Every structure is written in C-alpha cells, then in structure tokens.
C-alpha cells in the first residue's frame, strides 16, 4: 500500500474490514455506502477553526447533501445546526434532534402549512420572494415572530462553470434580485415596513463557482444590509446568512480549497462581515461530507465489445445520477480492488465501468485506465459521501443500498454502525392474511 495516499490507504483498510465483516458480499450486499465519522469530525473542526472565535457563527449543515438522520445527528453532536430546503428535510432535522432555533428553512416554494409550522416552532426562515413575504405577514397578523426571518437576495454577480449549480445569475430562480430595475428599492421598503426582517441571506452557487465569485455575492449582501440599517436609522439587520457552496476537489485525495481559503476571500471582498456587527450563518454541505464517504460495489460480469473491455457493476445511475447523466460536470474517480478489498496494481487497461440499469448510458466511467477488472472484484468510488448513495434514484426499481458509518480506533480496529439498512424487494400487501395481487402503484417497502 506504500504507493497509495493516506486517504486511499484508509479506504482500503475500511473496505477490507467491510468484506471481512460481511457488510459487502457478492451474493447479498453487492453495493454499500460508507460514511467516515472520524473524517467528518475533522472536517467540521476545520470549519469551526476557519472563522474567528470572536464572531457569533452558526454553521448549519445543508441537509440536502446527506439527509440520513443518523448522519444529521452526528453533525448535531459536533456542534452544527441544520439548513433544510423542504418540509421533508425539516422532519429529518427535527428527528435528528436539532433544536428549532438551530434550523434554517430555505425552500423557494414553501407552502402556507410549512410556513405556519416553521413559524410556530421558531425555525429560522429565509424568504424567497415578495409573495412569500406577504404570506408570512398575513400569518403573523401583527404578532412578533418567534423565528429569525431574513430575505434571500440574488446578488446577480454571475455564474460558474456548471449552470445548474449557479444561483446568482441575472435570471436565477432563487431570491429577490438586487440589480433589477426597482427591485432593490422595493426590497428596501419591505424592510422598512417589516421590522421583523432582521437577516439577509445569499448564496452564489456551489460546485463550479470560483471562491471570488461567491465572496463577491456575500459582499453584495453585506452592502445591502448596511444600506437597510442606514435607511431605517438603526441596527435592524443583525445577521448575514452567507450560504454554503464551497467546491470539492473530485480529481485527487487532496482537500482543496479549504474553509480557511474561503474565509480569506471573504475578508478581502466583504471585510464588514468580520466587524462583529453581524451574526453569521453558513450552509455548507458537499464540502463537509463528500470526501468523508465512498461507495463500494462488486463487479458482476465483464465483457468485451468493439475491442473495449466493459465491467458491469452494481453501482450506477441509482447512486451516481449526476455522474451518469452529466459526466463532464460530475466525473468520479474509481479505484480497483480485489475480492478481499485489497488494491489492484496490475497494468492499466482502458475500460468502461458500467452500472446495472438497462440503458446504454448507465456508465460510471468511459475508457478509464484501471487494472483489468474481473468478476468478483470491487470498485470503490471516493468522494461520494454527499448526494450519491444518500440521495438514490429508483430507476428500474433498483433498491437503496445499505449505508454504514465507520470509526477507526487508535489500535486500527474498524467499527461500523448501520446508518440505513438495505431496502428490501417489493412484497405485495396482505389482506386478511391473504396475499393480494401486486398493483402498478405498489412500491418498495422497508424492513
């Protein structure tokens, strides 16, 4: 293992233990997700250390990145809050034990019922548009809110290399535009008319967005907060929610950029953020979990078509949806391992790594140089702790794989904790002890 990085050695150590303990089995659990809780703790610590201790900062994990309740509960124990984007994520945050005042609700399409619930609990709410603001005003009916309430502003500073991940473009669906004609003035009047609007929220985007662009977006939000306070003649806006979005390096095991690098950019572009006049909320997700998780899948068959080897594995579109449908924007590394979990070191051969779905495009990688894979080998997909196995796509009714958390003791012993059991095959419902015929509406059930 001397030619492997420290991170790769750790993955191999964990993989060998998973095989030995039966968590991976070609005849049973042919695919599994792993979350490294030791790594998560180190990453969260680096986030806390990146921001000055003199500031009041709530680091709220973006639940969309990995909404598995035991993972959220671990992040809560590490001192994080939780950012949610749907009513379902709010349910999961509450189930994980987050106090309502450490939950931030950011959905762009909040229903009246969701708003009433969040306001009743005291969950922080970031308003997406003027119609939502009017709805909240009606719900409150003149009562002071228990919740912190802010407005999401679209700084319109531009987009990154992945359009779908860029939220500060001139026509973005998110937030209230700051540079559209009359929009800024209308928003200033809204703050004047609603003294309970005390926060400003922004988020320029995530993967594919340069740090300088993200920091410029934050600078626009801080500038607007200063303008509000000057306009009303008092310190009405007390906090800035800067969103998340720190990009992840998917090319190597190096963790870059770091949170400290981003904070340096924020200091340069938005120095008032560090003045102590504002509380701060962050909403990092992918950058907390991505490099602290991986998937492992067995190779079921291999073939050769048109002169190119193809390895058919159990990991595909159902757990790597973005990579399969948009491979240029979301490429993944793949490591080859033998059936025991040990790294393969043979001569690299260019081959396709395919998933189990029935369409031709279900490929994790095309023409990738790896030691030649054989039936019974295992492929590992690093950097998939966020979004991949935690957000499955049920194409072909492919079941959700088991997910295990892992910790390694000082003596090297690997201890696993079941985070999510593997989803069981569909069984027809029973009526009075008799098996009822399956219906088109039938779905997978959990055990």
Protein backbone atom coordinates (compact mmCIF):
# COMPACT_ATOMS: atom_id res chain seq x y z
CA UNK A 1 0.00 0.00 0.00
CA UNK A 2 3.05 2.26 0.01
CA UNK A 3 2.11 3.83 -3.35
CA UNK A 4 -1.35 4.84 -2.09
CA UNK A 5 -2.21 8.16 -0.50
CA UNK A 6 -3.04 8.19 3.20
CA UNK A 7 -6.72 8.62 2.33
CA UNK A 8 -6.59 5.68 -0.11
CA UNK A 9 -4.89 3.51 2.50
CA UNK A 10 -7.66 4.35 4.95
CA UNK A 11 -10.34 3.45 2.38
CA UNK A 12 -8.60 0.14 1.71
CA UNK A 13 -8.39 -0.61 5.43
CA UNK A 14 -12.11 0.11 5.81
CA UNK A 15 -13.01 -1.88 2.70
CA UNK A 16 -11.09 -4.96 3.87
CA UNK A 17 -12.91 -4.79 7.20
CA UNK A 18 -16.28 -4.40 5.47
CA UNK A 19 -15.61 -7.55 3.41
CA UNK A 20 -14.37 -9.49 6.43
CA UNK A 21 -17.41 -8.48 8.49
CA UNK A 22 -19.85 -9.38 5.72
CA UNK A 23 -21.07 -5.84 5.05
CA UNK A 24 -20.08 -6.39 1.43
CA UNK A 25 -20.97 -9.74 -0.08
CA UNK A 26 -21.27 -10.61 -3.78
CA UNK A 27 -24.22 -12.88 -3.06
CA UNK A 28 -26.01 -10.38 -0.83
CA UNK A 29 -24.86 -6.82 -0.21
CA UNK A 30 -23.17 -6.18 -3.53
CA UNK A 31 -23.25 -2.40 -3.06
CA UNK A 32 -22.79 -0.29 0.07
CA UNK A 33 -22.16 3.29 1.10
CA UNK A 34 -19.65 4.23 3.81
CA UNK A 35 -19.53 7.44 5.87
CA UNK A 36 -16.29 8.06 7.76
CA UNK A 37 -17.36 9.72 11.01
CA UNK A 38 -13.74 10.33 12.04
CA UNK A 39 -13.20 12.31 8.86
CA UNK A 40 -16.46 14.19 9.34
CA UNK A 41 -15.33 15.31 12.79
CA UNK A 42 -12.01 16.57 11.40
CA UNK A 43 -13.76 18.49 8.62
CA UNK A 44 -16.26 20.11 10.98
CA UNK A 45 -13.41 21.11 13.28
CA UNK A 46 -11.59 22.74 10.36
CA UNK A 47 -14.76 24.71 9.54
CA UNK A 48 -15.11 25.98 13.10
CA UNK A 49 -11.43 26.95 13.23
CA UNK A 50 -11.61 28.86 9.94
CA UNK A 51 -13.91 31.56 11.36
CA UNK A 52 -12.69 33.84 14.18
CA UNK A 53 -13.83 32.73 17.59
CA UNK A 54 -14.87 36.30 18.39
CA UNK A 55 -17.76 36.10 15.91
CA UNK A 56 -21.18 34.60 16.56
CA UNK A 57 -21.44 31.92 13.87
CA UNK A 58 -23.94 29.10 13.35
CA UNK A 59 -22.62 26.53 10.89
CA UNK A 60 -25.78 24.90 9.53
CA UNK A 61 -25.20 21.72 7.54
CA UNK A 62 -27.13 21.66 4.24
CA UNK A 63 -29.31 18.59 4.76
CA UNK A 64 -29.76 18.08 1.02
CA UNK A 65 -26.15 16.88 0.85
CA UNK A 66 -26.86 13.89 3.09
CA UNK A 67 -30.23 13.77 4.84
CA UNK A 68 -29.79 10.40 6.58
CA UNK A 69 -30.97 11.01 10.14
CA UNK A 70 -28.04 9.29 11.93
CA UNK A 71 -25.61 11.39 9.87
CA UNK A 72 -27.50 14.56 10.76
CA UNK A 73 -27.50 13.51 14.42
CA UNK A 74 -23.72 13.06 14.32
CA UNK A 75 -23.32 16.55 12.85
CA UNK A 76 -25.53 17.93 15.63
CA UNK A 77 -23.27 16.29 18.22
CA UNK A 78 -20.34 18.01 16.52
CA UNK A 79 -21.92 21.41 17.14
CA UNK A 80 -23.57 22.12 13.81
CA UNK A 81 -27.01 23.45 13.01
CA UNK A 82 -29.05 22.30 10.00
CA UNK A 83 -30.24 24.02 6.83
CA UNK A 84 -33.30 22.47 5.21
CA UNK A 85 -34.85 23.09 1.80
CA UNK A 86 -38.11 21.13 2.09
CA UNK A 87 -40.67 20.11 4.67
CA UNK A 88 -39.28 16.58 4.46
CA UNK A 89 -35.80 17.77 5.36
CA UNK A 90 -37.28 19.73 8.25
CA UNK A 91 -38.82 16.49 9.52
CA UNK A 92 -35.44 14.79 9.32
CA UNK A 93 -33.64 17.65 11.08
CA UNK A 94 -36.12 17.52 13.95
CA UNK A 95 -35.83 13.71 14.10
CA UNK A 96 -32.04 14.11 14.36
CA UNK A 97 -32.53 16.27 17.46
CA UNK A 98 -31.73 19.73 16.15
CA UNK A 99 -33.43 22.44 18.24
CA UNK A 100 -35.71 24.58 16.06
CA UNK A 101 -33.62 27.70 16.69
CA UNK A 102 -30.64 25.94 15.06
CA UNK A 103 -32.58 25.03 11.91
CA UNK A 104 -32.72 27.28 8.83
CA UNK A 105 -35.55 26.84 6.30
CA UNK A 106 -34.65 27.98 2.76
CA UNK A 107 -37.16 26.40 0.36
CA UNK A 108 -38.11 28.58 -2.64
CA UNK A 109 -41.63 27.11 -2.65
CA UNK A 110 -42.75 26.98 0.99
CA UNK A 111 -46.44 26.16 1.42
CA UNK A 112 -48.61 28.06 3.85
CA UNK A 113 -48.75 24.98 6.09
CA UNK A 114 -44.95 24.70 6.08
CA UNK A 115 -44.58 28.37 6.97
CA UNK A 116 -47.12 28.12 9.79
CA UNK A 117 -45.28 25.11 11.18
CA UNK A 118 -41.84 26.72 10.94
CA UNK A 119 -43.05 29.96 12.49
CA UNK A 120 -44.76 28.04 15.28
CA UNK A 121 -41.56 26.12 16.05
CA UNK A 122 -39.27 29.14 15.87
CA UNK A 123 -37.28 27.86 12.90
CA UNK A 124 -35.23 30.49 11.06
CA UNK A 125 -36.86 31.36 7.72
CA UNK A 126 -35.28 32.95 4.68
CA UNK A 127 -37.94 34.49 2.46
CA UNK A 128 -37.53 33.77 -1.25
CA UNK A 129 -39.89 36.31 -2.87
CA UNK A 130 -42.32 39.15 -2.25
CA UNK A 131 -45.38 36.87 -2.40
CA UNK A 132 -43.93 34.67 0.33
CA UNK A 133 -43.19 37.78 2.38
CA UNK A 134 -46.85 38.82 2.08
CA UNK A 135 -47.95 35.33 3.13
CA UNK A 136 -45.78 35.46 6.26
CA UNK A 137 -47.12 38.91 7.06
CA UNK A 138 -50.67 37.53 6.89
CA UNK A 139 -49.81 34.53 9.07
CA UNK A 140 -48.19 36.73 11.72
CA UNK A 141 -51.16 39.12 11.73
CA UNK A 142 -49.19 41.74 13.63
CA UNK A 143 -47.67 39.32 16.16
CA UNK A 144 -43.89 39.40 16.68
CA UNK A 145 -42.37 36.21 15.26
CA UNK A 146 -40.53 33.60 17.31
CA UNK A 147 -38.39 32.93 14.26
CA UNK A 148 -35.48 34.84 12.86
CA UNK A 149 -36.69 35.97 9.44
CA UNK A 150 -34.48 37.09 6.58
CA UNK A 151 -34.71 37.63 2.85
CA UNK A 152 -32.69 35.78 0.26
CA UNK A 153 -31.17 38.25 -2.17
CA UNK A 154 -29.85 37.36 -5.59
CA UNK A 155 -26.63 39.33 -5.93
CA UNK A 156 -26.65 38.65 -9.70
CA UNK A 157 -22.85 38.55 -9.73
CA UNK A 158 -22.80 35.77 -12.35
CA UNK A 159 -22.44 32.02 -12.72
CA UNK A 160 -19.76 29.34 -12.61
CA UNK A 161 -18.90 26.51 -14.98
CA UNK A 162 -21.96 24.40 -14.05
CA UNK A 163 -25.11 26.37 -14.85
CA UNK A 164 -27.38 24.23 -12.66
CA UNK A 165 -25.20 24.98 -9.62
CA UNK A 166 -25.10 28.76 -10.19
CA UNK A 167 -27.73 30.67 -8.20
CA UNK A 168 -26.56 34.29 -8.66
CA UNK A 169 -27.14 34.65 -12.39
CA UNK A 170 -29.26 37.53 -13.78
CA UNK A 171 -32.29 35.21 -14.20
CA UNK A 172 -31.81 32.78 -11.30
CA UNK A 173 -34.99 31.30 -9.79
CA UNK A 174 -33.68 31.96 -6.27
CA UNK A 175 -34.22 35.04 -4.14
CA UNK A 176 -35.04 38.66 -4.87
CA UNK A 177 -32.87 40.38 -7.46
CA UNK A 178 -30.72 43.24 -6.23
CA UNK A 179 -29.96 44.88 -9.57
CA UNK A 180 -33.27 44.54 -11.45
CA UNK A 181 -34.97 47.87 -12.06
CA UNK A 182 -36.95 48.97 -8.95
CA UNK A 183 -36.34 45.61 -7.19
CA UNK A 184 -33.76 46.93 -4.72
CA UNK A 185 -35.90 49.93 -3.79
CA UNK A 186 -38.94 47.71 -3.31
CA UNK A 187 -36.94 45.42 -1.05
CA UNK A 188 -35.63 48.35 0.99
CA UNK A 189 -39.21 49.50 1.54
CA UNK A 190 -40.15 45.97 2.61
CA UNK A 191 -37.51 46.07 5.35
CA UNK A 192 -38.79 49.48 6.45
CA UNK A 193 -42.36 48.17 6.63
CA UNK A 194 -41.48 44.90 8.39
CA UNK A 195 -39.18 45.48 11.40
CA UNK A 196 -39.09 41.71 11.96
CA UNK A 197 -36.99 41.31 8.81
CA UNK A 198 -33.64 41.15 10.57
CA UNK A 199 -31.46 38.94 8.34
CA UNK A 200 -30.09 38.96 4.81
CA UNK A 201 -29.33 35.67 3.07
CA UNK A 202 -27.38 35.00 -0.10
CA UNK A 203 -25.82 32.07 -1.94
CA UNK A 204 -24.00 32.47 -5.26
CA UNK A 205 -23.73 28.78 -6.05
CA UNK A 206 -21.60 25.73 -5.37
CA UNK A 207 -19.61 23.27 -7.50
CA UNK A 208 -18.06 25.08 -10.43
CA UNK A 209 -18.24 28.52 -8.81
CA UNK A 210 -14.92 30.26 -8.02
CA UNK A 211 -14.41 31.43 -4.45
CA UNK A 212 -14.01 35.04 -5.56
CA UNK A 213 -17.47 34.97 -7.18
CA UNK A 214 -19.01 33.51 -4.02
CA UNK A 215 -17.30 36.15 -1.88
CA UNK A 216 -18.48 38.93 -4.18
CA UNK A 217 -22.04 37.69 -3.69
CA UNK A 218 -21.60 37.86 0.08
CA UNK A 219 -20.17 41.36 -0.26
CA UNK A 220 -23.33 42.45 -2.09
CA UNK A 221 -25.48 41.03 0.73
CA UNK A 222 -23.44 42.83 3.40
CA UNK A 223 -23.63 46.06 1.43
CA UNK A 224 -27.40 45.72 1.22
CA UNK A 225 -27.64 45.04 4.99
CA UNK A 226 -25.65 48.22 5.65
CA UNK A 227 -27.98 50.11 3.32
CA UNK A 228 -31.05 48.83 5.19
CA UNK A 229 -29.64 49.84 8.56
CA UNK A 230 -28.72 53.27 7.26
CA UNK A 231 -32.16 53.71 5.75
CA UNK A 232 -34.09 52.81 8.92
CA UNK A 233 -31.65 54.65 11.16
CA UNK A 234 -30.96 51.73 13.47
CA UNK A 235 -29.42 48.27 13.55
CA UNK A 236 -32.37 46.30 12.16
CA UNK A 237 -30.39 43.73 10.15
CA UNK A 238 -28.38 41.85 12.74
CA UNK A 239 -27.24 38.83 10.75
CA UNK A 240 -25.93 37.66 7.39
CA UNK A 241 -26.53 34.12 6.12
CA UNK A 242 -23.72 33.58 3.58
CA UNK A 243 -24.96 30.22 2.30
CA UNK A 244 -22.54 27.43 1.52
CA UNK A 245 -21.19 26.15 -1.77
CA UNK A 246 -17.50 25.53 -1.14
CA UNK A 247 -16.42 23.46 -4.18
CA UNK A 248 -14.94 19.99 -3.73
CA UNK A 249 -11.85 18.64 -5.47
CA UNK A 250 -13.02 15.40 -7.12
CA UNK A 251 -9.75 14.87 -9.02
CA UNK A 252 -7.48 13.72 -6.18
CA UNK A 253 -7.50 12.97 -2.45
CA UNK A 254 -6.28 16.50 -1.69
CA UNK A 255 -8.82 18.55 0.25
CA UNK A 256 -8.90 21.84 -1.60
CA UNK A 257 -9.95 24.56 -1.32
CA UNK A 258 -10.16 24.68 2.45
CA UNK A 259 -12.56 26.71 4.55
CA UNK A 260 -9.69 28.96 5.61
CA UNK A 261 -9.01 29.82 1.96
CA UNK A 262 -12.63 30.86 1.52
CA UNK A 263 -12.54 32.96 4.69
CA UNK A 264 -9.52 34.78 3.25
CA UNK A 265 -11.61 35.62 0.18
CA UNK A 266 -14.46 36.82 2.38
CA UNK A 267 -12.08 39.08 4.32
CA UNK A 268 -10.89 40.60 1.05
CA UNK A 269 -14.30 41.19 -0.54
CA UNK A 270 -16.58 41.63 2.49
CA UNK A 271 -14.50 42.91 5.43
CA UNK A 272 -17.59 44.25 7.23
CA UNK A 273 -18.72 40.65 7.71
CA UNK A 274 -15.93 40.33 10.29
CA UNK A 275 -16.62 43.62 12.06
CA UNK A 276 -18.60 41.96 14.85
CA UNK A 277 -21.74 43.90 13.92
CA UNK A 278 -23.38 40.83 12.40
CA UNK A 279 -24.13 37.29 13.42
CA UNK A 280 -23.26 34.80 10.67
CA UNK A 281 -24.86 31.61 9.39
CA UNK A 282 -23.15 29.27 6.93
CA UNK A 283 -24.78 26.45 4.98
CA UNK A 284 -22.00 24.12 3.80
CA UNK A 285 -23.00 20.63 2.70
CA UNK A 286 -20.99 18.88 -0.01
CA UNK A 287 -17.71 20.19 1.38
CA UNK A 288 -18.49 18.62 4.78
CA UNK A 289 -19.42 15.13 3.58
CA UNK A 290 -18.14 14.43 0.05
CA UNK A 291 -14.60 13.39 0.91
CA UNK A 292 -15.73 11.60 4.05
CA UNK A 293 -17.64 8.88 2.24
CA UNK A 294 -17.30 6.34 -0.52
CA UNK A 295 -19.26 3.64 -2.31
CA UNK A 296 -18.10 0.09 -2.93
CA UNK A 297 -19.67 -2.26 -5.48
CA UNK A 298 -18.88 -5.70 -6.80
CA UNK A 299 -18.16 -6.42 -10.45
CA UNK A 300 -20.78 -8.94 -11.53
CA UNK A 301 -19.69 -9.63 -15.11
CA UNK A 302 -17.12 -8.46 -17.65
CA UNK A 303 -17.29 -8.46 -21.43
CA UNK A 304 -15.53 -7.08 -24.48
CA UNK A 305 -17.43 -5.12 -27.12
CA UNK A 306 -15.83 -3.46 -30.13
CA UNK A 307 -12.43 -4.11 -28.64
CA UNK A 308 -13.19 -2.34 -25.37
CA UNK A 309 -13.47 -4.18 -22.03
CA UNK A 310 -16.61 -3.44 -20.02
CA UNK A 311 -17.09 -4.17 -16.31
CA UNK A 312 -20.72 -4.47 -15.19
CA UNK A 313 -21.04 -3.40 -11.56
CA UNK A 314 -23.84 -2.83 -9.05
CA UNK A 315 -23.21 0.92 -8.79
CA UNK A 316 -24.76 3.08 -11.48
CA UNK A 317 -27.45 5.64 -12.13
CA UNK A 318 -29.34 4.79 -8.94
CA UNK A 319 -26.49 6.07 -6.74
CA UNK A 320 -24.48 8.24 -9.15
CA UNK A 321 -27.26 10.01 -11.03
CA UNK A 322 -25.42 13.25 -11.75
CA UNK A 323 -22.31 11.43 -12.94
CA UNK A 324 -24.27 9.18 -15.30
CA UNK A 325 -26.37 11.95 -16.85
CA UNK A 326 -23.75 14.74 -16.77
CA UNK A 327 -20.34 13.01 -16.69
CA UNK A 328 -18.31 16.00 -17.84
CA UNK A 329 -19.53 18.14 -14.94
CA UNK A 330 -19.55 15.37 -12.31
CA UNK A 331 -16.68 12.93 -13.03
CA UNK A 332 -15.79 10.44 -10.31
CA UNK A 333 -12.57 8.66 -9.58
CA UNK A 334 -12.72 4.86 -9.49
CA UNK A 335 -10.33 2.60 -7.58
CA UNK A 336 -9.98 -1.09 -8.43
CA UNK A 337 -9.82 -3.66 -5.63
CA UNK A 338 -9.63 -7.44 -5.50
CA UNK A 339 -12.34 -9.56 -3.80
CA UNK A 340 -10.63 -9.24 -0.40
CA UNK A 341 -10.69 -5.44 -0.62
CA UNK A 342 -7.01 -5.05 -1.43
CA UNK A 343 -5.98 -2.52 -4.07
CA UNK A 344 -5.25 -3.97 -7.53
CA UNK A 345 -1.91 -2.98 -9.04
CA UNK A 346 -1.92 -4.56 -12.48
CA UNK A 347 -1.12 -2.91 -15.79
CA UNK A 348 -3.72 -0.20 -16.56
CA UNK A 349 -6.18 -1.18 -19.26
CA UNK A 350 -8.68 1.25 -20.77
CA UNK A 351 -12.19 0.01 -19.99
CA UNK A 352 -15.75 1.14 -19.34
CA UNK A 353 -17.22 0.88 -15.85
CA UNK A 354 -20.96 0.29 -16.16
CA UNK A 355 -23.89 0.21 -13.78
CA UNK A 356 -26.78 -2.26 -13.52
CA UNK A 357 -29.53 -0.22 -15.21
CA UNK A 358 -30.99 -1.22 -18.56
CA UNK A 359 -29.98 1.77 -20.70
CA UNK A 360 -26.69 2.14 -22.57
CA UNK A 361 -25.70 5.37 -20.87
CA UNK A 362 -25.55 3.87 -17.37
CA UNK A 363 -21.78 4.30 -17.13
CA UNK A 364 -19.69 5.48 -14.20
CA UNK A 365 -16.68 5.99 -16.47
CA UNK A 366 -15.83 5.65 -20.14
CA UNK A 367 -12.48 4.49 -21.43
CA UNK A 368 -10.94 4.68 -17.94
CA UNK A 369 -7.43 3.27 -17.40
CA UNK A 370 -7.52 0.80 -14.49
CA UNK A 371 -6.09 -2.60 -13.67
CA UNK A 372 -8.27 -5.01 -15.67
CA UNK A 373 -11.39 -5.73 -13.66
CA UNK A 374 -12.72 -9.27 -13.29
CA UNK A 375 -15.92 -10.76 -11.86
CA UNK A 376 -15.77 -10.63 -8.06
CA UNK A 377 -13.53 -7.57 -7.96
CA UNK A 378 -14.72 -4.44 -6.15
CA UNK A 379 -14.81 -0.89 -7.46
CA UNK A 380 -14.60 1.99 -4.98
CA UNK A 381 -15.98 5.45 -5.77
CA UNK A 382 -14.32 8.02 -3.50
CA UNK A 383 -15.74 11.45 -2.68
CA UNK A 384 -19.37 10.26 -2.65
CA UNK A 385 -20.30 11.00 0.97
CA UNK A 386 -22.62 13.79 -0.22
CA UNK A 387 -25.57 13.40 -2.58
CA UNK A 388 -24.66 9.99 -4.08
CA UNK A 389 -25.79 6.98 -2.03
CA UNK A 390 -27.75 9.22 0.36
CA UNK A 391 -29.99 10.51 -2.45
CA UNK A 392 -30.83 7.44 -4.55
CA UNK A 393 -32.76 7.37 -7.82
CA UNK A 394 -35.12 4.39 -8.10
CA UNK A 395 -34.65 3.73 -11.80
CA UNK A 396 -35.52 0.11 -12.70
CA UNK A 397 -36.73 -0.23 -9.08
CA UNK A 398 -33.10 -0.61 -8.05
CA UNK A 399 -33.10 -0.71 -4.22
CA UNK A 400 -31.36 1.70 -1.90
CA UNK A 401 -28.07 0.24 -0.67
CA UNK A 402 -27.14 -0.14 2.97
CA UNK A 403 -25.12 2.73 4.41
CA UNK A 404 -22.65 2.23 7.25
CA UNK A 405 -20.84 4.77 9.41
CA UNK A 406 -17.30 3.87 10.39
CA UNK A 407 -14.82 4.82 13.09
CA UNK A 408 -11.27 3.52 13.49
CA UNK A 409 -9.83 3.21 16.98
CA UNK A 410 -6.26 4.03 17.88
CA UNK A 411 -5.25 0.38 17.52
CA UNK A 412 -6.64 0.24 13.98
CA UNK A 413 -9.84 -1.62 14.82
CA UNK A 414 -12.67 -0.75 12.42
CA UNK A 415 -16.12 -0.35 13.95
CA UNK A 416 -19.21 0.00 11.78
CA UNK A 417 -22.64 1.39 12.64
CA UNK A 418 -25.66 0.82 10.41
CA UNK A 419 -26.96 4.17 9.20
CA UNK A 420 -29.54 2.91 6.70
CA UNK A 421 -30.48 -0.74 6.07
CA UNK A 422 -30.59 -2.03 2.54
CA UNK A 423 -34.02 -1.65 1.01
CA UNK A 424 -35.81 -4.97 0.66
CA UNK A 425 -37.53 -6.18 -2.53
CA UNK A 426 -41.16 -5.36 -3.07
CA UNK A 427 -43.70 -7.63 -1.42
CA UNK A 428 -47.41 -7.48 -2.28
CA UNK A 429 -49.59 -6.20 0.59
CA UNK A 430 -51.65 -8.69 2.56
CA UNK A 431 -55.39 -8.58 3.21
CA UNK A 432 -56.79 -10.80 5.96
CA UNK A 433 -53.72 -12.98 5.77
CA UNK A 434 -54.05 -13.48 2.01
CA UNK A 435 -51.50 -12.17 -0.46
CA UNK A 436 -53.08 -9.50 -2.61
CA UNK A 437 -52.12 -9.10 -6.24
CA UNK A 438 -49.42 -6.54 -6.93
CA UNK A 439 -50.68 -3.26 -8.34
CA UNK A 440 -48.96 -0.67 -10.53
CA UNK A 441 -48.97 1.66 -7.53
CA UNK A 442 -47.06 -0.78 -5.35
CA UNK A 443 -43.66 0.36 -4.16
CA UNK A 444 -40.66 -0.81 -2.22
CA UNK A 445 -41.06 -1.34 1.49
CA UNK A 446 -38.55 -1.11 4.30
CA UNK A 447 -37.83 -3.65 6.98
